[in-house]
Protein backbone atom coordinates (compact mmCIF):
# COMPACT_ATOMS: atom_id res chain seq x y z
CA UNK A 1 6.09 -0.72 -2.83
CA UNK A 2 3.36 1.19 -0.85
CA UNK A 3 0.23 -0.67 0.12
CA UNK A 4 -2.77 1.63 0.87
CA UNK A 5 -5.57 0.42 3.07
CA UNK A 6 -7.69 3.24 1.62
CA UNK A 7 -7.49 1.88 -1.88
CA UNK A 8 -11.26 1.63 -3.04
CA UNK A 9 -10.46 -1.34 -5.15
CA UNK A 10 -10.05 -3.41 -2.11
CA UNK A 11 -13.79 -3.72 -1.73
CA UNK A 12 -16.31 -5.24 -4.18
CA UNK A 13 -19.91 -5.97 -3.19
CA UNK A 14 -19.97 -8.96 -5.94
CA UNK A 15 -17.14 -10.94 -4.28
CA UNK A 16 -14.36 -11.13 -1.88
CA UNK A 17 -11.16 -9.16 -2.97
CA UNK A 18 -7.94 -10.94 -2.66
CA UNK A 19 -4.54 -8.94 -2.91
CA UNK A 20 -1.12 -10.75 -2.88
CA UNK A 21 1.34 -8.40 -1.13
CA UNK A 22 4.24 -10.62 -0.44
CA UNK A 23 5.20 -14.30 -1.36
CA UNK A 24 8.31 -16.07 -0.44
CA UNK A 25 9.25 -19.36 0.95
CA UNK A 26 9.39 -18.23 4.44
CA UNK A 27 6.10 -16.30 4.38
CA UNK A 28 3.04 -14.99 2.39
CA UNK A 29 1.15 -11.76 3.25
CA UNK A 30 -2.34 -11.44 1.56
CA UNK A 31 -4.95 -8.73 2.01
CA UNK A 32 -8.79 -9.73 2.01
CA UNK A 33 -11.20 -6.97 1.28
CA UNK A 34 -14.74 -7.92 2.63
CA UNK A 35 -18.03 -6.04 2.27
CA UNK A 36 -20.47 -6.66 5.06
CA UNK A 37 -21.72 -10.20 4.99
CA UNK A 38 -18.92 -11.59 2.72
CA UNK A 39 -17.47 -14.88 3.98
CA UNK A 40 -14.14 -16.67 3.59
CA UNK A 41 -15.42 -20.26 3.99
CA UNK A 42 -14.01 -22.81 6.59
CA UNK A 43 -10.68 -23.90 5.62
CA UNK A 44 -7.22 -24.97 7.03
CA UNK A 45 -3.75 -24.12 6.27
CA UNK A 46 -0.39 -26.02 6.74
CA UNK A 47 1.00 -22.77 8.09
CA UNK A 48 0.70 -20.66 11.20
CA UNK A 49 -1.84 -17.87 10.34
CA UNK A 50 -1.68 -14.45 11.76
CA UNK A 51 -4.99 -12.59 11.15
CA UNK A 52 -5.00 -8.76 11.52
CA UNK A 53 -8.02 -6.65 11.08
CA UNK A 54 -6.77 -3.46 9.54
CA UNK A 55 -10.35 -1.84 8.97
CA UNK A 56 -13.64 -2.92 9.97
CA UNK A 57 -15.19 -5.85 12.02
CA UNK A 58 -15.04 -9.49 11.35
CA UNK A 59 -16.26 -12.85 13.03
CA UNK A 60 -13.71 -15.35 13.23
CA UNK A 61 -15.15 -18.88 13.54
CA UNK A 62 -12.36 -21.18 14.76
CA UNK A 63 -11.88 -23.37 17.88
CA UNK A 64 -13.52 -20.37 19.74
CA UNK A 65 -15.82 -17.91 17.90
CA UNK A 66 -14.33 -14.27 18.19
CA UNK A 67 -15.30 -10.95 16.77
CA UNK A 68 -12.17 -8.78 15.82
CA UNK A 69 -12.26 -5.20 15.20
CA UNK A 70 -9.70 -2.91 13.60
CA UNK A 71 -6.47 -2.95 15.25
CA UNK A 72 -6.89 -6.51 16.67
CA UNK A 73 -4.86 -9.73 15.76
CA UNK A 74 -4.99 -13.38 16.32
CA UNK A 75 -2.69 -16.28 15.72
CA UNK A 76 -4.04 -19.64 14.51
CA UNK A 77 -1.70 -22.78 14.65
CA UNK A 78 -1.25 -24.73 11.65
CA UNK A 79 -4.04 -27.00 10.50
CA UNK A 80 -6.76 -25.16 12.72
CA UNK A 81 -10.04 -24.90 10.95
CA UNK A 82 -11.30 -21.33 10.61
CA UNK A 83 -13.57 -19.17 8.67
CA UNK A 84 -14.12 -15.30 8.51
CA UNK A 85 -17.26 -13.33 7.94
CA UNK A 86 -17.50 -9.52 7.70
CA UNK A 87 -19.79 -8.04 10.08
CA UNK A 88 -19.27 -4.68 8.42
CA UNK A 89 -16.72 -3.69 5.62
CA UNK A 90 -13.38 -5.06 6.64
CA UNK A 91 -9.71 -5.31 5.41
CA UNK A 92 -8.03 -8.27 6.97
CA UNK A 93 -4.11 -9.02 6.52
CA UNK A 94 -3.27 -12.50 6.61
CA UNK A 95 0.39 -13.54 7.24
CA UNK A 96 1.24 -17.32 6.50
CA UNK A 97 4.47 -18.41 8.10
CA UNK A 98 6.04 -20.40 6.50
CA UNK A 99 4.56 -20.03 2.98
CA UNK A 100 2.01 -23.05 2.83
CA UNK A 101 3.01 -25.81 0.59
CA UNK A 102 -0.41 -27.08 0.30
CA UNK A 103 -3.40 -24.74 1.14
CA UNK A 104 -7.04 -25.51 1.04
CA UNK A 105 -7.84 -22.35 -0.59
CA UNK A 106 -4.68 -21.93 -2.74
CA UNK A 107 -6.83 -22.09 -5.90
CA UNK A 108 -9.45 -19.47 -4.80
CA UNK A 109 -6.69 -17.14 -3.58
CA UNK A 110 -4.15 -17.84 -6.20
CA UNK A 111 -1.40 -18.76 -3.93
CA UNK A 112 1.51 -20.51 -5.88
CA UNK A 113 2.34 -23.89 -4.85
CA UNK A 114 5.84 -24.44 -3.45
CA UNK A 115 7.95 -27.56 -4.40
């Protein structure tokens, strides 16, 4: 399978776009397509979260607020509160290791629950 960061369907001015790329017990990979100003609200995950900005610029609100640009990544430990807001259109890749069994945004991003 080929994933294309230039897919125009990754961005929608009316809502955050969520695209599931990989889902297994050991990890999940999700792309979030933000248009400027869109936010992924404050939440936590039971997994280690690796956030990679593939395009654009986002503000990460976690223990320390950071601005991340394309090509930058950050690792958050399990159960660390965080939120993302797009400063300009952005494509963010989220890698969750291991797959979260219970995730505060599972319903919003359609992550399947694991037994």
